[in-house]
Amino acid sequence: MGVLVQVRDVDRAVRDRLKLKAARRGQSLNTYLRELMERDSRVPLREEIVSRILDRGDLVTSTAPSSAEVLETARAERLERVDRPTEP
């Protein structure tokens, strides 16, 4: 048996929109909201995802330069071209 969840102070427009969505799916508002909450509850939290990734232990450390390093190199090369005197 499930537990009762009550939500107060929901804007009427929000409630009406949710009722419309439920009706278009051929569901009651209660069924629609329950499925919505069940679906959302299955989405892992960001912390859980990060923890799972770190626990894998098989992460490959990248030897590629960081985006900041790439930008710094590109800017330095551009400045070299701009500062280089043009030949007559």
PDB file of N, CA and C in Angstrom:
ATOM      1  N   MET A   1       0.846  -1.180   0.000  1.00  0.00           N
ATOM      2  CA  MET A   1       0.000   0.000   0.000  1.00  0.00           C
ATOM      3  C   MET A   1       0.887   1.237   0.000  1.00  0.00           C
ATOM      4  N   GLY A   2       0.540   2.184  -0.827  1.00  0.00           N
ATOM      5  CA  GLY A   2       1.314   3.412  -0.924  1.00  0.00           C
ATOM      6  C   GLY A   2       1.007   4.367   0.204  1.00  0.00           C
ATOM      7  N   VAL A   3       1.782   5.419   0.255  1.00  0.00           N
ATOM      8  CA  VAL A   3       1.585   6.460   1.265  1.00  0.00           C
ATOM      9  C   VAL A   3       0.940   7.670   0.603  1.00  0.00           C
ATOM     10  N   LEU A   4       0.313   8.480   1.392  1.00  0.00           N
ATOM     11  CA  LEU A   4      -0.348   9.686   0.903  1.00  0.00           C
ATOM     12  C   LEU A   4       0.669  10.821   0.815  1.00  0.00           C
ATOM     13  N   VAL A   5       0.679  11.505  -0.327  1.00  0.00           N
ATOM     14  CA  VAL A   5       1.514  12.685  -0.521  1.00  0.00           C
ATOM     15  C   VAL A   5       0.574  13.825  -0.870  1.00  0.00           C
ATOM     16  N   GLN A   6       0.652  14.889  -0.126  1.00  0.00           N
ATOM     17  CA  GLN A   6      -0.228  16.029  -0.365  1.00  0.00           C
ATOM     18  C   GLN A   6       0.624  17.254  -0.687  1.00  0.00           C
ATOM     19  N   VAL A   7       0.236  17.964  -1.722  1.00  0.00           N
ATOM     20  CA  VAL A   7       0.962  19.165  -2.120  1.00  0.00           C
ATOM     21  C   VAL A   7       0.016  20.348  -1.995  1.00  0.00           C
ATOM     22  N   ARG A   8       0.422  21.336  -1.229  1.00  0.00           N
ATOM     23  CA  ARG A   8      -0.415  22.511  -1.009  1.00  0.00           C
ATOM     24  C   ARG A   8       0.080  23.689  -1.817  1.00  0.00           C
ATOM     25  N   ASP A   9      -0.785  24.654  -1.966  1.00  0.00           N
ATOM     26  CA  ASP A   9      -0.463  25.935  -2.602  1.00  0.00           C
ATOM     27  C   ASP A   9       0.035  25.795  -4.037  1.00  0.00           C
ATOM     28  N   VAL A  10      -0.566  24.874  -4.784  1.00  0.00           N
ATOM     29  CA  VAL A  10      -0.245  24.738  -6.202  1.00  0.00           C
ATOM     30  C   VAL A  10      -1.081  25.754  -6.968  1.00  0.00           C
ATOM     31  N   ASP A  11      -0.446  26.476  -7.814  1.00  0.00           N
ATOM     32  CA  ASP A  11      -1.148  27.464  -8.619  1.00  0.00           C
ATOM     33  C   ASP A  11      -2.229  26.773  -9.457  1.00  0.00           C
ATOM     34  N   ARG A  12      -3.370  27.405  -9.553  1.00  0.00           N
ATOM     35  CA  ARG A  12      -4.507  26.825 -10.296  1.00  0.00           C
ATOM     36  C   ARG A  12      -4.130  26.531 -11.749  1.00  0.00           C
ATOM     37  N   ALA A  13      -3.373  27.435 -12.369  1.00  0.00           N
ATOM     38  CA  ALA A  13      -2.974  27.230 -13.762  1.00  0.00           C
ATOM     39  C   ALA A  13      -2.090  25.992 -13.905  1.00  0.00           C
ATOM     40  N   VAL A  14      -1.232  25.760 -12.923  1.00  0.00           N
ATOM     41  CA  VAL A  14      -0.371  24.574 -12.938  1.00  0.00           C
ATOM     42  C   VAL A  14      -1.229  23.324 -12.828  1.00  0.00           C
ATOM     43  N   ARG A  15      -2.155  23.329 -11.876  1.00  0.00           N
ATOM     44  CA  ARG A  15      -3.045  22.187 -11.704  1.00  0.00           C
ATOM     45  C   ARG A  15      -3.845  21.911 -12.974  1.00  0.00           C
ATOM     46  N   ASP A  16      -4.374  22.964 -13.584  1.00  0.00           N
ATOM     47  CA  ASP A  16      -5.172  22.796 -14.802  1.00  0.00           C
ATOM     48  C   ASP A  16      -4.332  22.232 -15.949  1.00  0.00           C
ATOM     49  N   ARG A  17      -3.114  22.701 -16.050  1.00  0.00           N
ATOM     50  CA  ARG A  17      -2.208  22.206 -17.112  1.00  0.00           C
ATOM     51  C   ARG A  17      -1.899  20.729 -16.898  1.00  0.00           C
ATOM     52  N   LEU A  18      -1.640  20.350 -15.647  1.00  0.00           N
ATOM     53  CA  LEU A  18      -1.358  18.943 -15.347  1.00  0.00           C
ATOM     54  C   LEU A  18      -2.580  18.066 -15.602  1.00  0.00           C
ATOM     55  N   LYS A  19      -3.764  18.569 -15.268  1.00  0.00           N
ATOM     56  CA  LYS A  19      -4.999  17.824 -15.538  1.00  0.00           C
ATOM     57  C   LYS A  19      -5.185  17.616 -17.036  1.00  0.00           C
ATOM     58  N   LEU A  20      -4.874  18.638 -17.820  1.00  0.00           N
ATOM     59  CA  LEU A  20      -4.979  18.537 -19.268  1.00  0.00           C
ATOM     60  C   LEU A  20      -4.010  17.481 -19.811  1.00  0.00           C
ATOM     61  N   LYS A  21      -2.779  17.511 -19.327  1.00  0.00           N
ATOM     62  CA  LYS A  21      -1.794  16.518 -19.761  1.00  0.00           C
ATOM     63  C   LYS A  21      -2.250  15.110 -19.403  1.00  0.00           C
ATOM     64  N   ALA A  22      -2.781  14.950 -18.199  1.00  0.00           N
ATOM     65  CA  ALA A  22      -3.270  13.643 -17.764  1.00  0.00           C
ATOM     66  C   ALA A  22      -4.418  13.185 -18.660  1.00  0.00           C
ATOM     67  N   ALA A  23      -5.355  14.073 -18.935  1.00  0.00           N
ATOM     68  CA  ALA A  23      -6.513  13.727 -19.755  1.00  0.00           C
ATOM     69  C   ALA A  23      -6.091  13.319 -21.164  1.00  0.00           C
ATOM     70  N   ARG A  24      -5.108  13.998 -21.708  1.00  0.00           N
ATOM     71  CA  ARG A  24      -4.631  13.667 -23.057  1.00  0.00           C
ATOM     72  C   ARG A  24      -3.962  12.298 -23.098  1.00  0.00           C
ATOM     73  N   ARG A  25      -3.522  11.827 -21.949  1.00  0.00           N
ATOM     74  CA  ARG A  25      -2.949  10.476 -21.866  1.00  0.00           C
ATOM     75  C   ARG A  25      -3.987   9.453 -21.418  1.00  0.00           C
ATOM     76  N   GLY A  26      -5.209   9.933 -21.222  1.00  0.00           N
ATOM     77  CA  GLY A  26      -6.279   9.042 -20.784  1.00  0.00           C
ATOM     78  C   GLY A  26      -6.128   8.616 -19.338  1.00  0.00           C
ATOM     79  N   GLN A  27      -5.554   9.474 -18.514  1.00  0.00           N
ATOM     80  CA  GLN A  27      -5.284   9.155 -17.115  1.00  0.00           C
ATOM     81  C   GLN A  27      -5.960  10.155 -16.199  1.00  0.00           C
ATOM     82  N   SER A  28      -6.131   9.732 -14.965  1.00  0.00           N
ATOM     83  CA  SER A  28      -6.568  10.679 -13.946  1.00  0.00           C
ATOM     84  C   SER A  28      -5.359  11.515 -13.540  1.00  0.00           C
ATOM     85  N   LEU A  29      -5.631  12.655 -12.920  1.00  0.00           N
ATOM     86  CA  LEU A  29      -4.530  13.495 -12.436  1.00  0.00           C
ATOM     87  C   LEU A  29      -3.690  12.726 -11.427  1.00  0.00           C
ATOM     88  N   ASN A  30      -4.340  11.963 -10.566  1.00  0.00           N
ATOM     89  CA  ASN A  30      -3.635  11.185  -9.553  1.00  0.00           C
ATOM     90  C   ASN A  30      -2.666  10.185 -10.193  1.00  0.00           C
ATOM     91  N   THR A  31      -3.142   9.440 -11.194  1.00  0.00           N
ATOM     92  CA  THR A  31      -2.293   8.451 -11.875  1.00  0.00           C
ATOM     93  C   THR A  31      -1.142   9.135 -12.592  1.00  0.00           C
ATOM     94  N   TYR A  32      -1.444  10.226 -13.273  1.00  0.00           N
ATOM     95  CA  TYR A  32      -0.409  10.964 -14.003  1.00  0.00           C
ATOM     96  C   TYR A  32       0.684  11.443 -13.054  1.00  0.00           C
ATOM     97  N   LEU A  33       0.287  12.048 -11.935  1.00  0.00           N
ATOM     98  CA  LEU A  33       1.274  12.559 -10.977  1.00  0.00           C
ATOM     99  C   LEU A  33       2.064  11.436 -10.331  1.00  0.00           C
ATOM    100  N   ARG A  34       1.404  10.324 -10.019  1.00  0.00           N
ATOM    101  CA  ARG A  34       2.115   9.190  -9.415  1.00  0.00           C
ATOM    102  C   ARG A  34       3.184   8.663 -10.376  1.00  0.00           C
ATOM    103  N   GLU A  35       2.817   8.497 -11.655  1.00  0.00           N
ATOM    104  CA  GLU A  35       3.794   8.020 -12.635  1.00  0.00           C
ATOM    105  C   GLU A  35       4.933   9.019 -12.825  1.00  0.00           C
ATOM    106  N   LEU A  36       4.590  10.297 -12.795  1.00  0.00           N
ATOM    107  CA  LEU A  36       5.603  11.341 -12.918  1.00  0.00           C
ATOM    108  C   LEU A  36       6.603  11.262 -11.757  1.00  0.00           C
ATOM    109  N   MET A  37       6.093  11.085 -10.558  1.00  0.00           N
ATOM    110  CA  MET A  37       6.976  10.983  -9.384  1.00  0.00           C
ATOM    111  C   MET A  37       7.792   9.695  -9.414  1.00  0.00           C
ATOM    112  N   GLU A  38       7.173   8.598  -9.827  1.00  0.00           N
ATOM    113  CA  GLU A  38       7.910   7.335  -9.908  1.00  0.00           C
ATOM    114  C   GLU A  38       9.046   7.433 -10.914  1.00  0.00           C
ATOM    115  N   ARG A  39       8.761   8.021 -12.071  1.00  0.00           N
ATOM    116  CA  ARG A  39       9.779   8.180 -13.109  1.00  0.00           C
ATOM    117  C   ARG A  39      10.919   9.058 -12.599  1.00  0.00           C
ATOM    118  N   ASP A  40      10.577  10.161 -11.958  1.00  0.00           N
ATOM    119  CA  ASP A  40      11.599  11.070 -11.448  1.00  0.00           C
ATOM    120  C   ASP A  40      12.430  10.416 -10.338  1.00  0.00           C
ATOM    121  N   SER A  41      11.790   9.585  -9.530  1.00  0.00           N
ATOM    122  CA  SER A  41      12.520   8.958  -8.427  1.00  0.00           C
ATOM    123  C   SER A  41      13.548   7.945  -8.916  1.00  0.00           C
ATOM    124  N   ARG A  42      13.397   7.454 -10.147  1.00  0.00           N
ATOM    125  CA  ARG A  42      14.358   6.488 -10.696  1.00  0.00           C
ATOM    126  C   ARG A  42      15.586   7.162 -11.298  1.00  0.00           C
ATOM    127  N   VAL A  43      15.526   8.462 -11.500  1.00  0.00           N
ATOM    128  CA  VAL A  43      16.678   9.194 -12.045  1.00  0.00           C
ATOM    129  C   VAL A  43      17.689   9.360 -10.924  1.00  0.00           C
ATOM    130  N   PRO A  44      18.923   8.880 -11.126  1.00  0.00           N
ATOM    131  CA  PRO A  44      19.919   8.987 -10.049  1.00  0.00           C
ATOM    132  C   PRO A  44      20.306  10.436  -9.772  1.00  0.00           C
ATOM    133  N   LEU A  45      20.643  10.695  -8.525  1.00  0.00           N
ATOM    134  CA  LEU A  45      21.126  12.014  -8.137  1.00  0.00           C
ATOM    135  C   LEU A  45      22.516  12.233  -8.728  1.00  0.00           C
ATOM    136  N   ARG A  46      22.877  13.485  -8.933  1.00  0.00           N
ATOM    137  CA  ARG A  46      24.193  13.810  -9.483  1.00  0.00           C
ATOM    138  C   ARG A  46      25.313  13.190  -8.643  1.00  0.00           C
ATOM    139  N   GLU A  47      25.153  13.253  -7.321  1.00  0.00           N
ATOM    140  CA  GLU A  47      26.175  12.693  -6.432  1.00  0.00           C
ATOM    141  C   GLU A  47      26.311  11.184  -6.634  1.00  0.00           C
ATOM    142  N   GLU A  48      25.205  10.500  -6.884  1.00  0.00           N
ATOM    143  CA  GLU A  48      25.243   9.056  -7.122  1.00  0.00           C
ATOM    144  C   GLU A  48      25.977   8.743  -8.430  1.00  0.00           C
ATOM    145  N   ILE A  49      25.736   9.543  -9.442  1.00  0.00           N
ATOM    146  CA  ILE A  49      26.403   9.328 -10.726  1.00  0.00           C
ATOM    147  C   ILE A  49      27.907   9.536 -10.582  1.00  0.00           C
ATOM    148  N   VAL A  50      28.288  10.628  -9.934  1.00  0.00           N
ATOM    149  CA  VAL A  50      29.715  10.914  -9.741  1.00  0.00           C
ATOM    150  C   VAL A  50      30.363   9.800  -8.922  1.00  0.00           C
ATOM    151  N   SER A  51      29.694   9.359  -7.876  1.00  0.00           N
ATOM    152  CA  SER A  51      30.225   8.289  -7.034  1.00  0.00           C
ATOM    153  C   SER A  51      30.428   7.009  -7.837  1.00  0.00           C
ATOM    154  N   ARG A  52      29.458   6.664  -8.676  1.00  0.00           N
ATOM    155  CA  ARG A  52      29.583   5.455  -9.503  1.00  0.00           C
ATOM    156  C   ARG A  52      30.752   5.563 -10.465  1.00  0.00           C
ATOM    157  N   ILE A  53      30.927   6.737 -11.051  1.00  0.00           N
ATOM    158  CA  ILE A  53      32.032   6.933 -11.987  1.00  0.00           C
ATOM    159  C   ILE A  53      33.367   6.787 -11.265  1.00  0.00           C
ATOM    160  N   LEU A  54      33.470   7.431 -10.105  1.00  0.00           N
ATOM    161  CA  LEU A  54      34.728   7.370  -9.353  1.00  0.00           C
ATOM    162  C   LEU A  54      35.000   5.968  -8.826  1.00  0.00           C
ATOM    163  N   ASP A  55      33.954   5.233  -8.474  1.00  0.00           N
ATOM    164  CA  ASP A  55      34.119   3.874  -7.958  1.00  0.00           C
ATOM    165  C   ASP A  55      34.552   2.883  -9.032  1.00  0.00           C
ATOM    166  N   ARG A  56      34.356   3.234 -10.293  1.00  0.00           N
ATOM    167  CA  ARG A  56      34.727   2.312 -11.368  1.00  0.00           C
ATOM    168  C   ARG A  56      36.220   2.033 -11.357  1.00  0.00           C
ATOM    169  N   GLY A  57      37.004   3.038 -11.074  1.00  0.00           N
ATOM    170  CA  GLY A  57      38.439   2.843 -10.955  1.00  0.00           C
ATOM    171  C   GLY A  57      39.160   2.643 -12.262  1.00  0.00           C
ATOM    172  N   ASP A  58      38.462   2.608 -13.376  1.00  0.00           N
ATOM    173  CA  ASP A  58      39.126   2.398 -14.658  1.00  0.00           C
ATOM    174  C   ASP A  58      39.144   3.653 -15.511  1.00  0.00           C
ATOM    175  N   LEU A  59      39.107   4.782 -14.848  1.00  0.00           N
ATOM    176  CA  LEU A  59      39.117   6.042 -15.574  1.00  0.00           C
ATOM    177  C   LEU A  59      40.463   6.248 -16.250  1.00  0.00           C
ATOM    178  N   VAL A  60      40.399   6.696 -17.458  1.00  0.00           N
ATOM    179  CA  VAL A  60      41.618   6.981 -18.198  1.00  0.00           C
ATOM    180  C   VAL A  60      41.942   8.446 -17.988  1.00  0.00           C
ATOM    181  N   THR A  61      43.141   8.712 -17.538  1.00  0.00           N
ATOM    182  CA  THR A  61      43.527  10.111 -17.372  1.00  0.00           C
ATOM    183  C   THR A  61      43.961  10.644 -18.725  1.00  0.00           C
ATOM    184  N   SER A  62      43.454  11.765 -19.063  1.00  0.00           N
ATOM    185  CA  SER A  62      43.708  12.342 -20.367  1.00  0.00           C
ATOM    186  C   SER A  62      45.063  13.038 -20.390  1.00  0.00           C
ATOM    187  N   THR A  63      45.765  12.836 -21.493  1.00  0.00           N
ATOM    188  CA  THR A  63      47.023  13.556 -21.691  1.00  0.00           C
ATOM    189  C   THR A  63      46.794  14.737 -22.632  1.00  0.00           C
ATOM    190  N   ALA A  64      45.572  14.897 -23.070  1.00  0.00           N
ATOM    191  CA  ALA A  64      45.245  16.005 -23.960  1.00  0.00           C
ATOM    192  C   ALA A  64      45.312  17.315 -23.173  1.00  0.00           C
ATOM    193  N   PRO A  65      45.666  18.387 -23.861  1.00  0.00           N
ATOM    194  CA  PRO A  65      45.714  19.679 -23.166  1.00  0.00           C
ATOM    195  C   PRO A  65      44.310  20.126 -22.769  1.00  0.00           C
ATOM    196  N   SER A  66      44.250  20.915 -21.716  1.00  0.00           N
ATOM    197  CA  SER A  66      42.961  21.445 -21.283  1.00  0.00           C
ATOM    198  C   SER A  66      42.497  22.507 -22.278  1.00  0.00           C
ATOM    199  N   SER A  67      41.239  22.849 -22.211  1.00  0.00           N
ATOM    200  CA  SER A  67      40.715  23.880 -23.118  1.00  0.00           C
ATOM    201  C   SER A  67      41.417  25.209 -22.869  1.00  0.00           C
ATOM    202  N   ALA A  68      41.759  25.481 -21.628  1.00  0.00           N
ATOM    203  CA  ALA A  68      42.470  26.729 -21.321  1.00  0.00           C
ATOM    204  C   ALA A  68      43.847  26.743 -21.986  1.00  0.00           C
ATOM    205  N   GLU A  69      44.529  25.595 -21.985  1.00  0.00           N
ATOM    206  CA  GLU A  69      45.841  25.514 -22.627  1.00  0.00           C
ATOM    207  C   GLU A  69      45.730  25.676 -24.145  1.00  0.00           C
ATOM    208  N   VAL A  70      44.691  25.095 -24.724  1.00  0.00           N
ATOM    209  CA  VAL A  70      44.482  25.219 -26.166  1.00  0.00           C
ATOM    210  C   VAL A  70      44.245  26.679 -26.538  1.00  0.00           C
ATOM    211  N   LEU A  71      43.408  27.359 -25.755  1.00  0.00           N
ATOM    212  CA  LEU A  71      43.137  28.771 -26.024  1.00  0.00           C
ATOM    213  C   LEU A  71      44.392  29.621 -25.863  1.00  0.00           C
ATOM    214  N   GLU A  72      45.154  29.338 -24.830  1.00  0.00           N
ATOM    215  CA  GLU A  72      46.384  30.105 -24.595  1.00  0.00           C
ATOM    216  C   GLU A  72      47.349  29.942 -25.760  1.00  0.00           C
ATOM    217  N   THR A  73      47.494  28.720 -26.267  1.00  0.00           N
ATOM    218  CA  THR A  73      48.379  28.456 -27.400  1.00  0.00           C
ATOM    219  C   THR A  73      47.882  29.178 -28.643  1.00  0.00           C
ATOM    220  N   ALA A  74      46.576  29.100 -28.896  1.00  0.00           N
ATOM    221  CA  ALA A  74      46.000  29.752 -30.074  1.00  0.00           C
ATOM    222  C   ALA A  74      46.187  31.261 -30.006  1.00  0.00           C
ATOM    223  N   ARG A  75      46.001  31.824 -28.838  1.00  0.00           N
ATOM    224  CA  ARG A  75      46.177  33.277 -28.687  1.00  0.00           C
ATOM    225  C   ARG A  75      47.629  33.672 -28.908  1.00  0.00           C
ATOM    226  N   ALA A  76      48.542  32.878 -28.378  1.00  0.00           N
ATOM    227  CA  ALA A  76      49.967  33.180 -28.542  1.00  0.00           C
ATOM    228  C   ALA A  76      50.356  33.115 -30.020  1.00  0.00           C
ATOM    229  N   GLU A  77      49.853  32.099 -30.735  1.00  0.00           N
ATOM    230  CA  GLU A  77      50.154  31.976 -32.162  1.00  0.00           C
ATOM    231  C   GLU A  77      49.571  33.149 -32.945  1.00  0.00           C
ATOM    232  N   ARG A  78      48.366  33.568 -32.577  1.00  0.00           N
ATOM    233  CA  ARG A  78      47.732  34.702 -33.262  1.00  0.00           C
ATOM    234  C   ARG A  78      48.537  35.979 -33.022  1.00  0.00           C
ATOM    235  N   LEU A  79      48.983  36.178 -31.781  1.00  0.00           N
ATOM    236  CA  LEU A  79      49.782  37.369 -31.481  1.00  0.00           C
ATOM    237  C   LEU A  79      51.088  37.368 -32.249  1.00  0.00           C
ATOM    238  N   GLU A  80      51.689  36.200 -32.420  1.00  0.00           N
ATOM    239  CA  GLU A  80      52.927  36.108 -33.200  1.00  0.00           C
ATOM    240  C   GLU A  80      52.692  36.567 -34.630  1.00  0.00           C
ATOM    241  N   ARG A  81      51.575  36.115 -35.210  1.00  0.00           N
ATOM    242  CA  ARG A  81      51.277  36.502 -36.600  1.00  0.00           C
ATOM    243  C   ARG A  81      51.004  37.990 -36.705  1.00  0.00           C
ATOM    244  N   VAL A  82      50.319  38.548 -35.728  1.00  0.00           N
ATOM    245  CA  VAL A  82      49.977  39.966 -35.759  1.00  0.00           C
ATOM    246  C   VAL A  82      51.203  40.827 -35.518  1.00  0.00           C
ATOM    247  N   ASP A  83      52.080  40.407 -34.633  1.00  0.00           N
ATOM    248  CA  ASP A  83      53.265  41.195 -34.290  1.00  0.00           C
ATOM    249  C   ASP A  83      54.386  41.044 -35.312  1.00  0.00           C
ATOM    250  N   ARG A  84      54.324  40.017 -36.167  1.00  0.00           N
ATOM    251  CA  ARG A  84      55.382  39.774 -37.128  1.00  0.00           C
ATOM    252  C   ARG A  84      55.326  40.866 -38.198  1.00  0.00           C
ATOM    253  N   PRO A  85      56.481  41.507 -38.459  1.00  0.00           N
ATOM    254  CA  PRO A  85      56.479  42.577 -39.479  1.00  0.00           C
ATOM    255  C   PRO A  85      56.209  41.965 -40.866  1.00  0.00           C
ATOM    256  N   THR A  86      55.467  42.684 -41.651  1.00  0.00           N
ATOM    257  CA  THR A  86      55.181  42.218 -43.014  1.00  0.00           C
ATOM    258  C   THR A  86      56.329  42.578 -43.911  1.00  0.00           C
ATOM    259  N   GLU A  87      56.614  41.714 -44.869  1.00  0.00           N
ATOM    260  CA  GLU A  87      57.720  41.959 -45.806  1.00  0.00           C
ATOM    261  C   GLU A  87      57.240  42.879 -46.917  1.00  0.00           C
ATOM    262  N   PRO A  88      58.077  43.835 -47.327  1.00  0.00           N
ATOM    263  CA  PRO A  88      57.688  44.785 -48.374  1.00  0.00           C
ATOM    264  C   PRO A  88      57.612  44.161 -49.748  1.00  0.00           C
TER     265      PRO A  88
END
